[in-house]
Amino acid sequence: MKKVIREDILDFETYEDHREEFRKKVMNIKDLRRVHLGHHLTFLFETTETIRYQIQEMVRAEKIVREKDILHEILTYNELLGDNDSLGCTLLIEISDPQSRDELLKKWMGLPQHLYLILENGQKSYAEFDKRQVGENRVSSVQYLKFQCHGQKPLSIGCDHQVLGIEGPFTEKQKEALWGDLQKGEGS
């Protein structure tokens, strides 16, 4: 995947001048790549533009001006992008009630290794995940995942965790967007 480079990032004042226009563009990109699975799992498949937006927003919010700090943000956020022939995504486990959240995050321990894409050849591609986000007694409510696609179009997403077995197809527009990302190097 094309990584975000330093030249892609504007200073926070210049970004502010173009923020609304850029934000609108990125929200359209995100809408096509936001996938809900069940009541609590939301996957946001990342692209160069969504990552650039995240970096710009951090630079803006934190008023980051030091070059080394901007480069650190770029390096950190680029890790969320897919590698060769893979899709990178952010998983948000969204549970509004604090008590339910705590209970479910404990029950769902090990969740990342049970998440998969079903590819057009029928094979399951299980998520690669950041082991730094694995707690001792509960899963983190934000996960960063990568799915290898092996040259195949992803058709659906699922989970085979013992207490959360669920699968859901991508819409036609989602399939087209994700396949397009893989084809043009946005997901790989």
N, C-alpha and C. Protein backbone atom coordinates (compact mmCIF):
# COMPACT_ATOMS: atom_id res chain seq x y z
N MET A 1 0.85 -1.19 0.00
CA MET A 1 0.00 0.00 0.00
C MET A 1 0.88 1.23 0.00
N LYS A 2 0.40 2.24 -0.64
CA LYS A 2 1.10 3.52 -0.61
C LYS A 2 0.99 4.08 0.80
N LYS A 3 2.11 4.25 1.43
CA LYS A 3 2.15 4.81 2.78
C LYS A 3 2.06 6.33 2.70
N VAL A 4 1.60 6.92 3.78
CA VAL A 4 1.59 8.38 3.89
C VAL A 4 3.04 8.82 4.08
N ILE A 5 3.43 9.84 3.34
CA ILE A 5 4.79 10.37 3.48
C ILE A 5 4.70 11.80 4.02
N ARG A 6 5.82 12.31 4.43
CA ARG A 6 5.86 13.63 5.07
C ARG A 6 5.26 14.72 4.18
N GLU A 7 5.51 14.65 2.88
CA GLU A 7 5.01 15.66 1.95
C GLU A 7 3.48 15.67 1.87
N ASP A 8 2.83 14.60 2.31
CA ASP A 8 1.36 14.53 2.29
C ASP A 8 0.71 15.33 3.42
N ILE A 9 1.48 15.67 4.44
CA ILE A 9 0.93 16.28 5.64
C ILE A 9 1.14 17.79 5.63
N LEU A 10 0.04 18.51 5.79
CA LEU A 10 0.08 19.97 5.84
C LEU A 10 0.29 20.44 7.27
N ASP A 11 0.82 21.67 7.42
CA ASP A 11 0.86 22.24 8.76
C ASP A 11 -0.59 22.45 9.21
N PHE A 12 -0.81 22.50 10.52
CA PHE A 12 -2.18 22.51 11.03
C PHE A 12 -2.97 23.74 10.61
N GLU A 13 -2.33 24.86 10.38
CA GLU A 13 -3.07 26.06 9.96
C GLU A 13 -3.52 25.95 8.51
N THR A 14 -2.65 25.47 7.64
CA THR A 14 -3.03 25.27 6.24
C THR A 14 -4.10 24.20 6.15
N TYR A 15 -3.94 23.13 6.92
CA TYR A 15 -4.95 22.06 6.95
C TYR A 15 -6.32 22.62 7.36
N GLU A 16 -6.32 23.49 8.33
CA GLU A 16 -7.58 24.09 8.80
C GLU A 16 -8.32 24.79 7.66
N ASP A 17 -7.56 25.41 6.76
CA ASP A 17 -8.17 26.09 5.61
C ASP A 17 -8.89 25.13 4.68
N HIS A 18 -8.44 23.88 4.63
CA HIS A 18 -8.99 22.88 3.69
C HIS A 18 -9.72 21.74 4.40
N ARG A 19 -9.84 21.84 5.70
CA ARG A 19 -10.33 20.73 6.51
C ARG A 19 -11.72 20.25 6.11
N GLU A 20 -12.67 21.14 5.96
CA GLU A 20 -14.05 20.73 5.66
C GLU A 20 -14.12 19.94 4.36
N GLU A 21 -13.46 20.43 3.35
CA GLU A 21 -13.45 19.77 2.04
C GLU A 21 -12.80 18.38 2.15
N PHE A 22 -11.65 18.31 2.83
CA PHE A 22 -10.92 17.04 2.99
C PHE A 22 -11.73 16.08 3.84
N ARG A 23 -12.32 16.59 4.90
CA ARG A 23 -13.12 15.75 5.81
C ARG A 23 -14.29 15.12 5.07
N LYS A 24 -14.98 15.90 4.26
CA LYS A 24 -16.12 15.39 3.49
C LYS A 24 -15.69 14.25 2.56
N LYS A 25 -14.57 14.45 1.88
CA LYS A 25 -14.04 13.42 0.98
C LYS A 25 -13.73 12.14 1.75
N VAL A 26 -13.06 12.27 2.90
CA VAL A 26 -12.66 11.10 3.67
C VAL A 26 -13.87 10.40 4.30
N MET A 27 -14.87 11.15 4.73
CA MET A 27 -16.07 10.52 5.29
C MET A 27 -16.77 9.65 4.24
N ASN A 28 -16.76 10.08 2.99
CA ASN A 28 -17.33 9.26 1.92
C ASN A 28 -16.53 7.98 1.73
N ILE A 29 -15.20 8.10 1.81
CA ILE A 29 -14.33 6.93 1.70
C ILE A 29 -14.62 5.97 2.86
N LYS A 30 -14.70 6.51 4.07
CA LYS A 30 -14.95 5.69 5.26
C LYS A 30 -16.32 5.02 5.21
N ASP A 31 -17.33 5.74 4.75
CA ASP A 31 -18.68 5.17 4.71
C ASP A 31 -18.72 3.88 3.91
N LEU A 32 -18.01 3.82 2.80
CA LEU A 32 -17.98 2.61 1.97
C LEU A 32 -17.20 1.48 2.62
N ARG A 33 -16.34 1.82 3.56
CA ARG A 33 -15.44 0.82 4.16
C ARG A 33 -15.75 0.55 5.63
N ARG A 34 -16.88 1.04 6.10
CA ARG A 34 -17.32 0.79 7.48
C ARG A 34 -18.29 -0.39 7.43
N VAL A 35 -17.93 -1.44 8.19
CA VAL A 35 -18.71 -2.67 8.15
C VAL A 35 -19.13 -3.02 9.58
N HIS A 36 -20.43 -3.19 9.77
CA HIS A 36 -20.95 -3.57 11.08
C HIS A 36 -21.20 -5.08 11.07
N LEU A 37 -20.75 -5.73 12.12
CA LEU A 37 -20.98 -7.17 12.28
C LEU A 37 -21.66 -7.36 13.63
N GLY A 38 -22.91 -7.75 13.59
CA GLY A 38 -23.67 -7.87 14.82
C GLY A 38 -23.93 -6.50 15.43
N HIS A 39 -24.19 -6.49 16.73
CA HIS A 39 -24.54 -5.26 17.42
C HIS A 39 -23.35 -4.45 17.91
N HIS A 40 -22.18 -5.10 18.04
CA HIS A 40 -21.09 -4.44 18.75
C HIS A 40 -19.78 -4.29 17.97
N LEU A 41 -19.65 -4.94 16.83
CA LEU A 41 -18.37 -4.91 16.12
C LEU A 41 -18.47 -4.03 14.88
N THR A 42 -17.60 -3.04 14.80
CA THR A 42 -17.53 -2.17 13.63
C THR A 42 -16.10 -2.21 13.10
N PHE A 43 -15.97 -2.58 11.85
CA PHE A 43 -14.68 -2.65 11.17
C PHE A 43 -14.58 -1.46 10.23
N LEU A 44 -13.48 -0.74 10.31
CA LEU A 44 -13.22 0.36 9.39
C LEU A 44 -11.96 0.01 8.61
N PHE A 45 -12.16 -0.35 7.34
CA PHE A 45 -11.03 -0.69 6.48
C PHE A 45 -10.33 0.60 6.06
N GLU A 46 -9.01 0.63 6.27
CA GLU A 46 -8.23 1.85 6.10
C GLU A 46 -7.65 1.96 4.70
N THR A 47 -7.48 3.21 4.26
CA THR A 47 -6.80 3.52 3.00
C THR A 47 -5.76 4.60 3.30
N THR A 48 -4.97 4.90 2.31
CA THR A 48 -3.98 5.97 2.48
C THR A 48 -4.68 7.26 2.89
N GLU A 49 -5.81 7.56 2.28
CA GLU A 49 -6.51 8.81 2.59
C GLU A 49 -7.10 8.81 4.00
N THR A 50 -7.63 7.68 4.47
CA THR A 50 -8.18 7.66 5.84
C THR A 50 -7.06 7.83 6.87
N ILE A 51 -5.91 7.26 6.57
CA ILE A 51 -4.76 7.38 7.48
C ILE A 51 -4.21 8.81 7.43
N ARG A 52 -4.14 9.38 6.24
CA ARG A 52 -3.69 10.77 6.12
C ARG A 52 -4.60 11.68 6.93
N TYR A 53 -5.89 11.43 6.86
CA TYR A 53 -6.86 12.22 7.62
C TYR A 53 -6.60 12.09 9.12
N GLN A 54 -6.37 10.86 9.60
CA GLN A 54 -6.11 10.64 11.02
C GLN A 54 -4.86 11.42 11.47
N ILE A 55 -3.83 11.39 10.63
CA ILE A 55 -2.60 12.10 10.98
C ILE A 55 -2.85 13.60 11.00
N GLN A 56 -3.54 14.11 9.97
CA GLN A 56 -3.84 15.54 9.92
C GLN A 56 -4.65 15.98 11.13
N GLU A 57 -5.60 15.15 11.54
CA GLU A 57 -6.42 15.50 12.70
C GLU A 57 -5.59 15.51 13.98
N MET A 58 -4.64 14.59 14.11
CA MET A 58 -3.76 14.59 15.29
C MET A 58 -2.87 15.83 15.29
N VAL A 59 -2.29 16.14 14.14
CA VAL A 59 -1.44 17.33 14.03
C VAL A 59 -2.25 18.57 14.39
N ARG A 60 -3.48 18.63 13.92
CA ARG A 60 -4.36 19.77 14.20
C ARG A 60 -4.73 19.85 15.68
N ALA A 61 -5.22 18.73 16.22
CA ALA A 61 -5.70 18.70 17.61
C ALA A 61 -4.59 19.00 18.60
N GLU A 62 -3.42 18.42 18.33
CA GLU A 62 -2.29 18.57 19.24
C GLU A 62 -1.39 19.75 18.87
N LYS A 63 -1.72 20.41 17.75
CA LYS A 63 -0.90 21.53 17.25
C LYS A 63 0.57 21.12 17.15
N ILE A 64 0.79 19.98 16.52
CA ILE A 64 2.14 19.42 16.38
C ILE A 64 2.89 20.19 15.30
N VAL A 65 4.07 20.67 15.65
CA VAL A 65 4.89 21.41 14.69
C VAL A 65 6.30 20.84 14.56
N ARG A 66 6.75 20.13 15.58
CA ARG A 66 8.11 19.58 15.52
C ARG A 66 8.16 18.45 14.49
N GLU A 67 9.16 18.51 13.66
CA GLU A 67 9.30 17.54 12.58
C GLU A 67 9.35 16.11 13.09
N LYS A 68 10.11 15.86 14.15
CA LYS A 68 10.23 14.49 14.68
C LYS A 68 8.88 13.98 15.18
N ASP A 69 8.05 14.87 15.72
CA ASP A 69 6.73 14.46 16.22
C ASP A 69 5.77 14.15 15.07
N ILE A 70 5.86 14.93 14.00
CA ILE A 70 5.03 14.66 12.82
C ILE A 70 5.46 13.33 12.20
N LEU A 71 6.75 13.10 12.09
CA LEU A 71 7.25 11.83 11.54
C LEU A 71 6.83 10.65 12.40
N HIS A 72 6.80 10.84 13.71
CA HIS A 72 6.34 9.77 14.61
C HIS A 72 4.87 9.43 14.34
N GLU A 73 4.02 10.43 14.15
CA GLU A 73 2.61 10.20 13.84
C GLU A 73 2.47 9.44 12.52
N ILE A 74 3.23 9.83 11.53
CA ILE A 74 3.19 9.17 10.23
C ILE A 74 3.58 7.70 10.37
N LEU A 75 4.67 7.45 11.06
CA LEU A 75 5.13 6.08 11.27
C LEU A 75 4.09 5.24 12.01
N THR A 76 3.55 5.80 13.06
CA THR A 76 2.56 5.08 13.88
C THR A 76 1.31 4.74 13.07
N TYR A 77 0.74 5.72 12.40
CA TYR A 77 -0.51 5.49 11.67
C TYR A 77 -0.30 4.63 10.42
N ASN A 78 0.86 4.71 9.78
CA ASN A 78 1.11 3.87 8.61
C ASN A 78 1.07 2.38 8.96
N GLU A 79 1.33 2.04 10.23
CA GLU A 79 1.26 0.64 10.65
C GLU A 79 -0.14 0.05 10.46
N LEU A 80 -1.16 0.91 10.40
CA LEU A 80 -2.54 0.43 10.27
C LEU A 80 -2.90 0.04 8.84
N LEU A 81 -2.07 0.41 7.88
CA LEU A 81 -2.35 0.09 6.49
C LEU A 81 -1.98 -1.34 6.18
N GLY A 82 -2.69 -1.91 5.22
CA GLY A 82 -2.38 -3.26 4.77
C GLY A 82 -1.01 -3.32 4.12
N ASP A 83 -0.45 -4.51 4.09
CA ASP A 83 0.82 -4.75 3.42
C ASP A 83 0.51 -5.35 2.05
N ASN A 84 1.45 -6.09 1.49
CA ASN A 84 1.23 -6.70 0.19
C ASN A 84 -0.01 -7.59 0.20
N ASP A 85 -0.95 -7.25 -0.67
CA ASP A 85 -2.17 -8.05 -0.87
C ASP A 85 -2.99 -8.25 0.40
N SER A 86 -3.02 -7.24 1.26
CA SER A 86 -3.83 -7.35 2.48
C SER A 86 -4.60 -6.06 2.71
N LEU A 87 -5.62 -6.18 3.53
CA LEU A 87 -6.43 -5.04 3.94
C LEU A 87 -6.19 -4.80 5.42
N GLY A 88 -5.90 -3.57 5.77
CA GLY A 88 -5.75 -3.18 7.17
C GLY A 88 -7.05 -2.57 7.65
N CYS A 89 -7.40 -2.81 8.89
CA CYS A 89 -8.62 -2.21 9.42
C CYS A 89 -8.51 -1.96 10.91
N THR A 90 -9.35 -1.06 11.35
CA THR A 90 -9.50 -0.77 12.76
C THR A 90 -10.82 -1.40 13.19
N LEU A 91 -10.79 -2.19 14.24
CA LEU A 91 -12.00 -2.78 14.80
C LEU A 91 -12.36 -2.00 16.05
N LEU A 92 -13.59 -1.53 16.09
CA LEU A 92 -14.12 -0.87 17.28
C LEU A 92 -15.16 -1.78 17.90
N ILE A 93 -14.96 -2.13 19.15
CA ILE A 93 -15.96 -2.91 19.88
C ILE A 93 -16.78 -1.88 20.64
N GLU A 94 -18.00 -1.69 20.20
CA GLU A 94 -18.84 -0.59 20.68
C GLU A 94 -19.94 -1.12 21.61
N ILE A 95 -19.74 -0.89 22.89
CA ILE A 95 -20.71 -1.31 23.91
C ILE A 95 -20.91 -0.11 24.83
N SER A 96 -22.09 0.48 24.79
CA SER A 96 -22.30 1.74 25.52
C SER A 96 -22.40 1.57 27.04
N ASP A 97 -23.01 0.50 27.50
CA ASP A 97 -23.17 0.29 28.94
C ASP A 97 -21.86 -0.19 29.56
N PRO A 98 -21.30 0.57 30.53
CA PRO A 98 -20.00 0.21 31.12
C PRO A 98 -19.96 -1.19 31.74
N GLN A 99 -21.02 -1.58 32.43
CA GLN A 99 -21.02 -2.90 33.06
C GLN A 99 -21.04 -4.01 32.01
N SER A 100 -21.91 -3.86 31.01
CA SER A 100 -21.96 -4.85 29.92
C SER A 100 -20.63 -4.89 29.17
N ARG A 101 -20.04 -3.70 28.95
CA ARG A 101 -18.78 -3.63 28.24
C ARG A 101 -17.72 -4.45 28.95
N ASP A 102 -17.59 -4.25 30.25
CA ASP A 102 -16.58 -4.97 31.01
C ASP A 102 -16.80 -6.48 30.95
N GLU A 103 -18.06 -6.90 31.10
CA GLU A 103 -18.38 -8.33 31.06
C GLU A 103 -18.08 -8.94 29.69
N LEU A 104 -18.52 -8.25 28.63
CA LEU A 104 -18.32 -8.79 27.28
C LEU A 104 -16.85 -8.79 26.87
N LEU A 105 -16.11 -7.75 27.23
CA LEU A 105 -14.70 -7.73 26.88
C LEU A 105 -13.93 -8.86 27.57
N LYS A 106 -14.39 -9.27 28.73
CA LYS A 106 -13.78 -10.43 29.40
C LYS A 106 -14.20 -11.73 28.70
N LYS A 107 -15.48 -11.85 28.36
CA LYS A 107 -15.98 -13.06 27.68
C LYS A 107 -15.35 -13.22 26.30
N TRP A 108 -15.05 -12.11 25.67
CA TRP A 108 -14.53 -12.14 24.30
C TRP A 108 -13.00 -12.19 24.24
N MET A 109 -12.38 -12.53 25.34
CA MET A 109 -10.92 -12.68 25.35
C MET A 109 -10.53 -13.59 24.20
N GLY A 110 -9.52 -13.21 23.45
CA GLY A 110 -9.08 -14.02 22.31
C GLY A 110 -9.83 -13.70 21.02
N LEU A 111 -10.71 -12.73 21.05
CA LEU A 111 -11.53 -12.38 19.88
C LEU A 111 -10.71 -12.17 18.60
N PRO A 112 -9.62 -11.41 18.62
CA PRO A 112 -8.92 -11.11 17.36
C PRO A 112 -8.52 -12.34 16.55
N GLN A 113 -8.11 -13.42 17.22
CA GLN A 113 -7.70 -14.60 16.45
C GLN A 113 -8.87 -15.39 15.88
N HIS A 114 -10.10 -14.94 16.15
CA HIS A 114 -11.28 -15.62 15.62
C HIS A 114 -12.01 -14.80 14.55
N LEU A 115 -11.40 -13.71 14.11
CA LEU A 115 -12.00 -12.86 13.09
C LEU A 115 -11.44 -13.24 11.73
N TYR A 116 -12.28 -13.26 10.72
CA TYR A 116 -11.83 -13.69 9.40
C TYR A 116 -12.65 -13.02 8.29
N LEU A 117 -12.05 -13.03 7.11
CA LEU A 117 -12.75 -12.68 5.88
C LEU A 117 -13.00 -13.98 5.14
N ILE A 118 -14.11 -14.06 4.44
CA ILE A 118 -14.32 -15.16 3.51
C ILE A 118 -14.04 -14.60 2.12
N LEU A 119 -13.12 -15.25 1.43
CA LEU A 119 -12.68 -14.80 0.11
C LEU A 119 -13.49 -15.48 -0.98
N GLU A 120 -13.40 -14.96 -2.19
CA GLU A 120 -14.22 -15.47 -3.28
C GLU A 120 -13.97 -16.94 -3.59
N ASN A 121 -12.82 -17.49 -3.22
CA ASN A 121 -12.55 -18.91 -3.44
C ASN A 121 -13.10 -19.78 -2.30
N GLY A 122 -13.80 -19.13 -1.34
CA GLY A 122 -14.40 -19.86 -0.23
C GLY A 122 -13.52 -20.01 0.99
N GLN A 123 -12.24 -19.66 0.88
CA GLN A 123 -11.33 -19.80 2.01
C GLN A 123 -11.53 -18.68 3.02
N LYS A 124 -11.22 -19.01 4.27
CA LYS A 124 -11.23 -18.01 5.34
C LYS A 124 -9.82 -17.47 5.51
N SER A 125 -9.73 -16.18 5.64
CA SER A 125 -8.44 -15.54 5.92
C SER A 125 -8.55 -14.90 7.30
N TYR A 126 -7.87 -15.50 8.28
CA TYR A 126 -7.95 -15.01 9.66
C TYR A 126 -7.10 -13.76 9.85
N ALA A 127 -7.53 -12.93 10.76
CA ALA A 127 -6.87 -11.64 11.02
C ALA A 127 -5.49 -11.83 11.62
N GLU A 128 -4.58 -10.98 11.20
CA GLU A 128 -3.32 -10.78 11.89
C GLU A 128 -3.60 -9.60 12.81
N PHE A 129 -3.10 -9.65 14.02
CA PHE A 129 -3.43 -8.59 14.97
C PHE A 129 -2.20 -8.19 15.77
N ASP A 130 -2.31 -7.04 16.37
CA ASP A 130 -1.23 -6.46 17.16
C ASP A 130 -1.26 -7.09 18.56
N LYS A 131 -0.29 -7.91 18.85
CA LYS A 131 -0.25 -8.62 20.13
C LYS A 131 -0.10 -7.67 21.32
N ARG A 132 0.33 -6.42 21.05
CA ARG A 132 0.43 -5.43 22.12
C ARG A 132 -0.94 -5.05 22.67
N GLN A 133 -2.00 -5.39 21.94
CA GLN A 133 -3.34 -5.03 22.38
C GLN A 133 -4.06 -6.17 23.10
N VAL A 134 -3.36 -7.23 23.34
CA VAL A 134 -3.97 -8.37 24.03
C VAL A 134 -3.73 -8.21 25.52
N GLY A 135 -4.82 -8.08 26.26
CA GLY A 135 -4.72 -7.96 27.71
C GLY A 135 -4.63 -9.32 28.37
N GLU A 136 -4.45 -9.29 29.67
CA GLU A 136 -4.36 -10.55 30.41
C GLU A 136 -5.72 -11.15 30.71
N ASN A 137 -6.75 -10.28 30.86
CA ASN A 137 -8.06 -10.83 31.23
C ASN A 137 -9.22 -10.25 30.43
N ARG A 138 -8.91 -9.41 29.44
CA ARG A 138 -9.97 -8.87 28.59
C ARG A 138 -9.37 -8.37 27.28
N VAL A 139 -10.23 -8.33 26.29
CA VAL A 139 -9.80 -7.84 24.98
C VAL A 139 -9.93 -6.31 24.97
N SER A 140 -9.05 -5.64 24.24
CA SER A 140 -9.12 -4.20 24.10
C SER A 140 -10.30 -3.84 23.20
N SER A 141 -10.94 -2.73 23.47
CA SER A 141 -12.12 -2.34 22.68
C SER A 141 -11.74 -1.72 21.33
N VAL A 142 -10.46 -1.51 21.09
CA VAL A 142 -9.98 -1.07 19.78
C VAL A 142 -8.88 -2.04 19.36
N GLN A 143 -9.01 -2.58 18.16
CA GLN A 143 -8.04 -3.53 17.64
C GLN A 143 -7.59 -3.08 16.26
N TYR A 144 -6.34 -3.35 15.94
CA TYR A 144 -5.81 -3.06 14.61
C TYR A 144 -5.50 -4.40 13.95
N LEU A 145 -6.14 -4.64 12.81
CA LEU A 145 -6.10 -5.94 12.17
C LEU A 145 -5.62 -5.83 10.72
N LYS A 146 -5.10 -6.95 10.22
CA LYS A 146 -4.79 -7.08 8.80
C LYS A 146 -5.30 -8.43 8.33
N PHE A 147 -5.87 -8.42 7.15
CA PHE A 147 -6.38 -9.64 6.52
C PHE A 147 -5.66 -9.85 5.20
N GLN A 148 -4.98 -10.98 5.04
CA GLN A 148 -4.37 -11.34 3.76
C GLN A 148 -5.47 -11.78 2.80
N CYS A 149 -5.41 -11.31 1.56
CA CYS A 149 -6.47 -11.63 0.60
C CYS A 149 -6.01 -12.57 -0.52
N HIS A 150 -4.73 -12.82 -0.64
CA HIS A 150 -4.20 -13.81 -1.59
C HIS A 150 -4.75 -13.63 -3.00
N GLY A 151 -4.90 -12.39 -3.44
CA GLY A 151 -5.39 -12.12 -4.79
C GLY A 151 -6.88 -12.39 -4.98
N GLN A 152 -7.59 -12.59 -3.89
CA GLN A 152 -9.02 -12.92 -3.96
C GLN A 152 -9.86 -11.74 -3.45
N LYS A 153 -11.05 -11.62 -3.99
CA LYS A 153 -11.98 -10.59 -3.55
C LYS A 153 -12.62 -11.02 -2.22
N PRO A 154 -12.61 -10.15 -1.21
CA PRO A 154 -13.30 -10.48 0.04
C PRO A 154 -14.81 -10.33 -0.15
N LEU A 155 -15.56 -11.35 0.33
CA LEU A 155 -17.01 -11.35 0.16
C LEU A 155 -17.78 -11.11 1.45
N SER A 156 -17.20 -11.54 2.57
CA SER A 156 -17.90 -11.39 3.84
C SER A 156 -16.89 -11.41 4.98
N ILE A 157 -17.41 -11.12 6.16
CA ILE A 157 -16.57 -11.07 7.35
C ILE A 157 -17.25 -11.87 8.44
N GLY A 158 -16.46 -12.47 9.32
CA GLY A 158 -17.07 -13.28 10.36
C GLY A 158 -16.21 -13.44 11.58
N CYS A 159 -16.81 -14.12 12.56
CA CYS A 159 -16.16 -14.40 13.82
C CYS A 159 -16.60 -15.78 14.28
N ASP A 160 -15.65 -16.63 14.64
CA ASP A 160 -16.00 -17.96 15.13
C ASP A 160 -15.56 -18.17 16.59
N HIS A 161 -15.58 -17.06 17.35
CA HIS A 161 -15.30 -17.15 18.79
C HIS A 161 -16.40 -17.98 19.44
N GLN A 162 -16.06 -18.77 20.44
CA GLN A 162 -17.03 -19.69 21.05
C GLN A 162 -18.27 -19.01 21.62
N VAL A 163 -18.16 -17.74 22.02
CA VAL A 163 -19.35 -17.05 22.55
C VAL A 163 -19.85 -15.95 21.61
N LEU A 164 -19.25 -15.85 20.42
CA LEU A 164 -19.68 -14.83 19.48
C LEU A 164 -19.49 -15.35 18.05
N GLY A 165 -20.32 -16.28 17.66
CA GLY A 165 -20.27 -16.80 16.30
C GLY A 165 -21.21 -15.99 15.42
N ILE A 166 -20.65 -15.31 14.43
CA ILE A 166 -21.47 -14.45 13.59
C ILE A 166 -20.75 -14.25 12.26
N GLU A 167 -21.52 -14.12 11.19
CA GLU A 167 -20.97 -13.85 9.87
C GLU A 167 -21.89 -12.87 9.17
N GLY A 168 -21.31 -12.04 8.33
CA GLY A 168 -22.12 -11.09 7.57
C GLY A 168 -21.48 -10.78 6.23
N PRO A 169 -22.30 -10.74 5.17
CA PRO A 169 -21.76 -10.42 3.84
C PRO A 169 -21.48 -8.93 3.69
N PHE A 170 -20.53 -8.62 2.86
CA PHE A 170 -20.31 -7.23 2.48
C PHE A 170 -21.39 -6.86 1.47
N THR A 171 -21.78 -5.60 1.45
CA THR A 171 -22.69 -5.13 0.40
C THR A 171 -21.90 -5.12 -0.91
N GLU A 172 -22.61 -5.02 -2.01
CA GLU A 172 -21.94 -4.95 -3.31
C GLU A 172 -20.99 -3.76 -3.37
N LYS A 173 -21.42 -2.61 -2.83
CA LYS A 173 -20.56 -1.43 -2.85
C LYS A 173 -19.32 -1.62 -1.99
N GLN A 174 -19.47 -2.32 -0.85
CA GLN A 174 -18.31 -2.60 0.00
C GLN A 174 -17.34 -3.54 -0.71
N LYS A 175 -17.87 -4.57 -1.36
CA LYS A 175 -17.01 -5.49 -2.10
C LYS A 175 -16.22 -4.74 -3.17
N GLU A 176 -16.93 -3.89 -3.91
CA GLU A 176 -16.27 -3.12 -4.97
C GLU A 176 -15.19 -2.21 -4.40
N ALA A 177 -15.49 -1.53 -3.30
CA ALA A 177 -14.52 -0.61 -2.69
C ALA A 177 -13.28 -1.36 -2.21
N LEU A 178 -13.48 -2.46 -1.49
CA LEU A 178 -12.34 -3.21 -0.95
C LEU A 178 -11.53 -3.86 -2.06
N TRP A 179 -12.20 -4.41 -3.06
CA TRP A 179 -11.50 -5.02 -4.17
C TRP A 179 -10.74 -3.94 -4.95
N GLY A 180 -11.36 -2.79 -5.12
CA GLY A 180 -10.68 -1.68 -5.78
C GLY A 180 -9.45 -1.24 -5.02
N ASP A 181 -9.54 -1.21 -3.69
CA ASP A 181 -8.38 -0.85 -2.87
C ASP A 181 -7.24 -1.84 -3.09
N LEU A 182 -7.58 -3.12 -3.12
CA LEU A 182 -6.55 -4.14 -3.34
C LEU A 182 -5.94 -4.01 -4.74
N GLN A 183 -6.79 -3.78 -5.73
CA GLN A 183 -6.32 -3.68 -7.12
C GLN A 183 -5.41 -2.49 -7.37
N LYS A 184 -5.73 -1.36 -6.76
CA LYS A 184 -4.91 -0.17 -7.00
C LYS A 184 -3.86 0.06 -5.91
N GLY A 185 -3.73 -0.90 -5.01
CA GLY A 185 -2.70 -0.79 -3.99
C GLY A 185 -3.12 0.02 -2.78
N GLU A 186 -4.42 0.33 -2.64
CA GLU A 186 -4.87 1.09 -1.47
C GLU A 186 -4.99 0.19 -0.25
N GLY A 187 -5.13 -1.11 -0.43
CA GLY A 187 -5.23 -1.99 0.72
C GLY A 187 -4.02 -2.87 0.83
N SER A 188 -3.08 -2.70 -0.08
CA SER A 188 -1.90 -3.57 -0.03
C SER A 188 -0.63 -2.78 -0.17
